[in-house]
Amino acid sequence: MYASTREPELATVVDWDAAQKAAFVQMQFDAQHAYYQEHYEGAAFDVILVGGQPAGRLYLHRRDDEIRIMDIALLPEYCNRGIGTTLLRGLQSEAAAGKPLRIHVERFNPALRLYERLGFWQIDDRGVYLFMEWRDDNSQRSNDPREAVRPNWMRVTVWLERTTFTRHDSTHRTLFPAGVRHR
């Protein structure tokens, strides 16, 4: 799944063969995962399931003072189907209880428009990343007609598969609904 998020970037590297690209992606994933384990104790590492099939990942860290989206990514074939909007709206509902919802977004990430449309705004420029935040404030609500009610055939139910890693690399999985129906 992580590899799919790096494919466009690696497509421009023409002097590496497939094995070199795979090794690079594995090294990057391992480094990212080690960083998350060290700096986000108690975080949720979820697999997004659509129709029972893995469609992406959602990494969250719920803190006393915020909900941090550490990573959200969809496989290319699941993009532009309302799944990201469904997940983010669900997180906004959770954050509406009084916590800001925050995320680092790469400056050239195509999903940046989605975050802005859903009412996230930049609170800091951190070079490659923009640090963005959403708070429950009606002035931040989207007036975008694409966010209007969609017909029933566009409904998407998203499930998350929680993966918990232990010190001995055993994995425990739990399925639970993302809790929101996209309309």
C-alpha atoms as a PDB file:
ATOM      1  CA  MET A   1       0.000   0.000   0.000  1.00  0.00           C
ATOM      2  CA  TYR A   2       2.784   2.421   0.913  1.00  0.00           C
ATOM      3  CA  ALA A   3       4.479   1.658  -2.401  1.00  0.00           C
ATOM      4  CA  SER A   4       1.440   2.872  -4.358  1.00  0.00           C
ATOM      5  CA  THR A   5       1.798   6.312  -2.768  1.00  0.00           C
ATOM      6  CA  ARG A   6       5.371   6.518  -4.049  1.00  0.00           C
ATOM      7  CA  GLU A   7       4.756   5.216  -7.595  1.00  0.00           C
ATOM      8  CA  PRO A   8       4.347   8.619  -9.312  1.00  0.00           C
ATOM      9  CA  GLU A   9       7.554   9.874  -7.711  1.00  0.00           C
ATOM     10  CA  LEU A  10       9.531   6.731  -8.548  1.00  0.00           C
ATOM     11  CA  ALA A  11       8.251   6.666 -12.127  1.00  0.00           C
ATOM     12  CA  THR A  12      10.565   9.609 -12.793  1.00  0.00           C
ATOM     13  CA  VAL A  13      13.622   7.628 -11.610  1.00  0.00           C
ATOM     14  CA  VAL A  14      14.666   5.926 -14.820  1.00  0.00           C
ATOM     15  CA  ASP A  15      18.077   4.614 -13.809  1.00  0.00           C
ATOM     16  CA  TRP A  16      16.759   2.239 -11.097  1.00  0.00           C
ATOM     17  CA  ASP A  17      15.386  -1.173 -11.900  1.00  0.00           C
ATOM     18  CA  ALA A  18      12.261  -2.593 -10.222  1.00  0.00           C
ATOM     19  CA  ALA A  19      14.282  -4.349  -7.488  1.00  0.00           C
ATOM     20  CA  GLN A  20      16.105  -1.126  -6.573  1.00  0.00           C
ATOM     21  CA  LYS A  21      12.834   0.791  -6.418  1.00  0.00           C
ATOM     22  CA  ALA A  22      11.248  -1.928  -4.260  1.00  0.00           C
ATOM     23  CA  ALA A  23      14.222  -1.895  -1.875  1.00  0.00           C
ATOM     24  CA  PHE A  24      14.049   1.899  -1.621  1.00  0.00           C
ATOM     25  CA  VAL A  25      10.314   1.851  -0.891  1.00  0.00           C
ATOM     26  CA  GLN A  26      10.773  -0.849   1.771  1.00  0.00           C
ATOM     27  CA  MET A  27      13.559   1.166   3.419  1.00  0.00           C
ATOM     28  CA  GLN A  28      11.406   4.310   3.404  1.00  0.00           C
ATOM     29  CA  PHE A  29       8.402   2.443   4.837  1.00  0.00           C
ATOM     30  CA  ASP A  30      10.519   0.890   7.585  1.00  0.00           C
ATOM     31  CA  ALA A  31      11.960   4.291   8.534  1.00  0.00           C
ATOM     32  CA  GLN A  32       8.536   5.922   8.558  1.00  0.00           C
ATOM     33  CA  HIS A  33       7.008   3.118  10.609  1.00  0.00           C
ATOM     34  CA  ALA A  34       9.860   3.245  13.153  1.00  0.00           C
ATOM     35  CA  TYR A  35       9.408   7.019  13.468  1.00  0.00           C
ATOM     36  CA  TYR A  36       5.657   6.665  14.005  1.00  0.00           C
ATOM     37  CA  GLN A  37       6.172   3.934  16.608  1.00  0.00           C
ATOM     38  CA  GLU A  38       8.671   6.098  18.496  1.00  0.00           C
ATOM     39  CA  HIS A  39       6.848   9.445  18.343  1.00  0.00           C
ATOM     40  CA  TYR A  40       3.156   8.491  18.319  1.00  0.00           C
ATOM     41  CA  GLU A  41       2.705   6.027  21.157  1.00  0.00           C
ATOM     42  CA  GLY A  42      -0.804   4.601  21.176  1.00  0.00           C
ATOM     43  CA  ALA A  43      -1.573   5.634  17.600  1.00  0.00           C
ATOM     44  CA  ALA A  44      -4.085   3.704  15.498  1.00  0.00           C
ATOM     45  CA  PHE A  45      -2.726   2.143  12.297  1.00  0.00           C
ATOM     46  CA  ASP A  46      -5.833   1.311  10.263  1.00  0.00           C
ATOM     47  CA  VAL A  47      -6.362  -0.282   6.871  1.00  0.00           C
ATOM     48  CA  ILE A  48      -9.270   1.239   4.946  1.00  0.00           C
ATOM     49  CA  LEU A  49     -11.547  -1.462   3.564  1.00  0.00           C
ATOM     50  CA  VAL A  50     -14.121  -0.904   0.834  1.00  0.00           C
ATOM     51  CA  GLY A  51     -16.295  -3.854  -0.041  1.00  0.00           C
ATOM     52  CA  GLY A  52     -14.014  -5.979   2.145  1.00  0.00           C
ATOM     53  CA  GLN A  53     -10.965  -5.091   0.036  1.00  0.00           C
ATOM     54  CA  PRO A  54      -7.990  -3.043   1.237  1.00  0.00           C
ATOM     55  CA  ALA A  55      -8.353   0.447  -0.238  1.00  0.00           C
ATOM     56  CA  GLY A  56      -5.890   2.524   1.762  1.00  0.00           C
ATOM     57  CA  ARG A  57      -4.565   3.360   5.183  1.00  0.00           C
ATOM     58  CA  LEU A  58      -5.391   5.811   7.948  1.00  0.00           C
ATOM     59  CA  TYR A  59      -2.961   6.471  10.776  1.00  0.00           C
ATOM     60  CA  LEU A  60      -4.326   8.544  13.671  1.00  0.00           C
ATOM     61  CA  HIS A  61      -3.002   9.770  16.971  1.00  0.00           C
ATOM     62  CA  ARG A  62      -5.690  10.923  19.385  1.00  0.00           C
ATOM     63  CA  ARG A  63      -4.124  13.252  21.924  1.00  0.00           C
ATOM     64  CA  ASP A  64      -5.657  15.142  24.831  1.00  0.00           C
ATOM     65  CA  ASP A  65      -5.430  18.395  22.876  1.00  0.00           C
ATOM     66  CA  GLU A  66      -5.896  17.303  19.234  1.00  0.00           C
ATOM     67  CA  ILE A  67      -6.597  14.546  16.747  1.00  0.00           C
ATOM     68  CA  ARG A  68      -3.584  14.182  14.451  1.00  0.00           C
ATOM     69  CA  ILE A  69      -3.922  12.549  11.059  1.00  0.00           C
ATOM     70  CA  MET A  70      -0.454  11.064  10.744  1.00  0.00           C
ATOM     71  CA  ASP A  71      -1.138   9.576   7.335  1.00  0.00           C
ATOM     72  CA  ILE A  72      -4.103   9.001   5.073  1.00  0.00           C
ATOM     73  CA  ALA A  73      -3.640   7.353   1.685  1.00  0.00           C
ATOM     74  CA  LEU A  74      -5.859   5.564  -0.802  1.00  0.00           C
ATOM     75  CA  LEU A  75      -4.829   3.164  -3.517  1.00  0.00           C
ATOM     76  CA  PRO A  76      -5.145   4.892  -6.913  1.00  0.00           C
ATOM     77  CA  GLU A  77      -8.200   2.877  -7.959  1.00  0.00           C
ATOM     78  CA  TYR A  78     -10.105   4.148  -4.896  1.00  0.00           C
ATOM     79  CA  CYS A  79      -9.324   7.839  -5.352  1.00  0.00           C
ATOM     80  CA  ASN A  80     -12.023  10.325  -6.395  1.00  0.00           C
ATOM     81  CA  ARG A  81     -14.841   8.065  -5.180  1.00  0.00           C
ATOM     82  CA  GLY A  82     -15.785   9.985  -2.014  1.00  0.00           C
ATOM     83  CA  ILE A  83     -13.907   7.659   0.329  1.00  0.00           C
ATOM     84  CA  GLY A  84     -11.435  10.286   1.559  1.00  0.00           C
ATOM     85  CA  THR A  85     -14.281  12.751   2.073  1.00  0.00           C
ATOM     86  CA  THR A  86     -16.206  10.108   4.033  1.00  0.00           C
ATOM     87  CA  LEU A  87     -13.266   9.439   6.323  1.00  0.00           C
ATOM     88  CA  LEU A  88     -12.432  13.103   6.843  1.00  0.00           C
ATOM     89  CA  ARG A  89     -16.067  14.018   7.559  1.00  0.00           C
ATOM     90  CA  GLY A  90     -16.149  11.239  10.160  1.00  0.00           C
ATOM     91  CA  LEU A  91     -12.993  12.594  11.771  1.00  0.00           C
ATOM     92  CA  GLN A  92     -14.461  16.097  11.697  1.00  0.00           C
ATOM     93  CA  SER A  93     -17.533  14.787  13.526  1.00  0.00           C
ATOM     94  CA  GLU A  94     -15.274  13.289  16.174  1.00  0.00           C
ATOM     95  CA  ALA A  95     -13.206  16.480  16.437  1.00  0.00           C
ATOM     96  CA  ALA A  96     -16.352  18.604  16.762  1.00  0.00           C
ATOM     97  CA  ALA A  97     -16.404  17.522  20.420  1.00  0.00           C
ATOM     98  CA  GLY A  98     -13.785  20.209  21.027  1.00  0.00           C
ATOM     99  CA  LYS A  99     -10.456  19.130  19.569  1.00  0.00           C
ATOM    100  CA  PRO A 100      -8.733  20.462  16.478  1.00  0.00           C
ATOM    101  CA  LEU A 101      -8.098  17.994  13.655  1.00  0.00           C
ATOM    102  CA  ARG A 102      -4.582  18.476  12.249  1.00  0.00           C
ATOM    103  CA  ILE A 103      -2.491  17.100   9.396  1.00  0.00           C
ATOM    104  CA  HIS A 104       0.783  17.755   7.585  1.00  0.00           C
ATOM    105  CA  VAL A 105       0.171  17.896   3.818  1.00  0.00           C
ATOM    106  CA  GLU A 106       2.853  17.970   1.169  1.00  0.00           C
ATOM    107  CA  ARG A 107       2.682  21.248  -0.688  1.00  0.00           C
ATOM    108  CA  PHE A 108       2.038  19.571  -4.069  1.00  0.00           C
ATOM    109  CA  ASN A 109      -0.294  16.817  -2.856  1.00  0.00           C
ATOM    110  CA  PRO A 110      -3.429  16.752  -5.069  1.00  0.00           C
ATOM    111  CA  ALA A 111      -5.504  16.088  -1.913  1.00  0.00           C
ATOM    112  CA  LEU A 112      -4.642  19.582  -0.654  1.00  0.00           C
ATOM    113  CA  ARG A 113      -7.707  20.886  -2.521  1.00  0.00           C
ATOM    114  CA  LEU A 114      -9.884  18.338  -0.708  1.00  0.00           C
ATOM    115  CA  TYR A 115      -8.620  19.474   2.698  1.00  0.00           C
ATOM    116  CA  GLU A 116      -9.262  23.106   1.811  1.00  0.00           C
ATOM    117  CA  ARG A 117     -12.732  22.289   0.483  1.00  0.00           C
ATOM    118  CA  LEU A 118     -13.532  20.532   3.764  1.00  0.00           C
ATOM    119  CA  GLY A 119     -12.515  23.591   5.784  1.00  0.00           C
ATOM    120  CA  PHE A 120      -8.914  22.845   6.751  1.00  0.00           C
ATOM    121  CA  TRP A 121      -6.633  25.871   6.725  1.00  0.00           C
ATOM    122  CA  GLN A 122      -2.904  26.360   6.909  1.00  0.00           C
ATOM    123  CA  ILE A 123      -1.582  27.206  10.369  1.00  0.00           C
ATOM    124  CA  ASP A 124       2.129  26.825   9.572  1.00  0.00           C
ATOM    125  CA  ASP A 125       4.459  26.471   6.603  1.00  0.00           C
ATOM    126  CA  ARG A 126       7.028  23.772   7.344  1.00  0.00           C
ATOM    127  CA  GLY A 127       8.938  23.763   4.088  1.00  0.00           C
ATOM    128  CA  VAL A 128       7.861  20.719   2.102  1.00  0.00           C
ATOM    129  CA  TYR A 129       4.766  20.373   4.303  1.00  0.00           C
ATOM    130  CA  LEU A 130       1.893  22.658   5.161  1.00  0.00           C
ATOM    131  CA  PHE A 131       0.554  22.131   8.675  1.00  0.00           C
ATOM    132  CA  MET A 132      -3.227  22.326   8.434  1.00  0.00           C
ATOM    133  CA  GLU A 133      -6.046  22.388  10.946  1.00  0.00           C
ATOM    134  CA  TRP A 134      -9.810  22.021  11.056  1.00  0.00           C
ATOM    135  CA  ARG A 135     -11.938  23.230  13.943  1.00  0.00           C
ATOM    136  CA  ASP A 136     -15.674  22.991  14.422  1.00  0.00           C
ATOM    137  CA  ASP A 137     -16.663  26.431  13.201  1.00  0.00           C
ATOM    138  CA  ASN A 138     -19.574  27.005  10.847  1.00  0.00           C
ATOM    139  CA  SER A 139     -17.598  29.692   9.018  1.00  0.00           C
ATOM    140  CA  GLN A 140     -15.221  26.926   7.886  1.00  0.00           C
ATOM    141  CA  ARG A 141     -17.961  24.811   6.268  1.00  0.00           C
ATOM    142  CA  SER A 142     -17.691  24.148   2.565  1.00  0.00           C
ATOM    143  CA  ASN A 143     -20.087  25.747   0.102  1.00  0.00           C
ATOM    144  CA  ASP A 144     -18.719  23.575  -2.689  1.00  0.00           C
ATOM    145  CA  PRO A 145     -21.613  22.038  -4.680  1.00  0.00           C
ATOM    146  CA  ARG A 146     -19.602  18.795  -4.962  1.00  0.00           C
ATOM    147  CA  GLU A 147     -20.235  18.374  -1.221  1.00  0.00           C
ATOM    148  CA  ALA A 148     -24.001  18.443  -1.747  1.00  0.00           C
ATOM    149  CA  VAL A 149     -26.160  15.395  -1.052  1.00  0.00           C
ATOM    150  CA  ARG A 150     -25.379  12.655  -3.554  1.00  0.00           C
ATOM    151  CA  PRO A 151     -27.868  10.101  -4.867  1.00  0.00           C
ATOM    152  CA  ASN A 152     -28.156   6.717  -3.118  1.00  0.00           C
ATOM    153  CA  TRP A 153     -26.079   4.925  -5.763  1.00  0.00           C
ATOM    154  CA  MET A 154     -23.091   7.067  -4.711  1.00  0.00           C
ATOM    155  CA  ARG A 155     -23.206   5.924  -1.090  1.00  0.00           C
ATOM    156  CA  VAL A 156     -20.014   4.438   0.236  1.00  0.00           C
ATOM    157  CA  THR A 157     -19.617   2.521   3.446  1.00  0.00           C
ATOM    158  CA  VAL A 158     -16.041   2.487   4.633  1.00  0.00           C
ATOM    159  CA  TRP A 159     -14.650   0.005   7.154  1.00  0.00           C
ATOM    160  CA  LEU A 160     -11.350   0.247   8.905  1.00  0.00           C
ATOM    161  CA  GLU A 161      -9.170  -2.660   9.909  1.00  0.00           C
ATOM    162  CA  ARG A 162      -7.169  -1.784  13.004  1.00  0.00           C
ATOM    163  CA  THR A 163      -3.730  -3.313  13.009  1.00  0.00           C
ATOM    164  CA  THR A 164      -1.854  -3.349  16.290  1.00  0.00           C
ATOM    165  CA  PHE A 165       1.825  -4.186  16.320  1.00  0.00           C
ATOM    166  CA  THR A 166       3.383  -5.685  19.415  1.00  0.00           C
ATOM    167  CA  ARG A 167       7.028  -5.962  20.368  1.00  0.00           C
ATOM    168  CA  HIS A 168       7.195  -9.485  18.950  1.00  0.00           C
ATOM    169  CA  ASP A 169       5.801  -8.483  15.549  1.00  0.00           C
ATOM    170  CA  SER A 170       2.582 -10.399  16.075  1.00  0.00           C
ATOM    171  CA  THR A 171      -0.367  -8.610  14.564  1.00  0.00           C
ATOM    172  CA  HIS A 172      -3.899  -8.267  15.897  1.00  0.00           C
ATOM    173  CA  ARG A 173      -6.709  -7.062  13.642  1.00  0.00           C
ATOM    174  CA  THR A 174     -10.130  -5.691  14.487  1.00  0.00           C
ATOM    175  CA  LEU A 175     -12.751  -4.540  11.990  1.00  0.00           C
ATOM    176  CA  PHE A 176     -14.959  -1.585  12.808  1.00  0.00           C
ATOM    177  CA  PRO A 177     -17.100   0.804  10.753  1.00  0.00           C
ATOM    178  CA  ALA A 178     -15.676   4.199   9.954  1.00  0.00           C
ATOM    179  CA  GLY A 179     -19.017   5.442  11.247  1.00  0.00           C
ATOM    180  CA  VAL A 180     -20.067   7.716   8.408  1.00  0.00           C
ATOM    181  CA  ARG A 181     -22.078   7.250   5.270  1.00  0.00           C
ATOM    182  CA  HIS A 182     -21.128   9.562   2.455  1.00  0.00           C
ATOM    183  CA  ARG A 183     -24.181  11.264   1.014  1.00  0.00           C
END
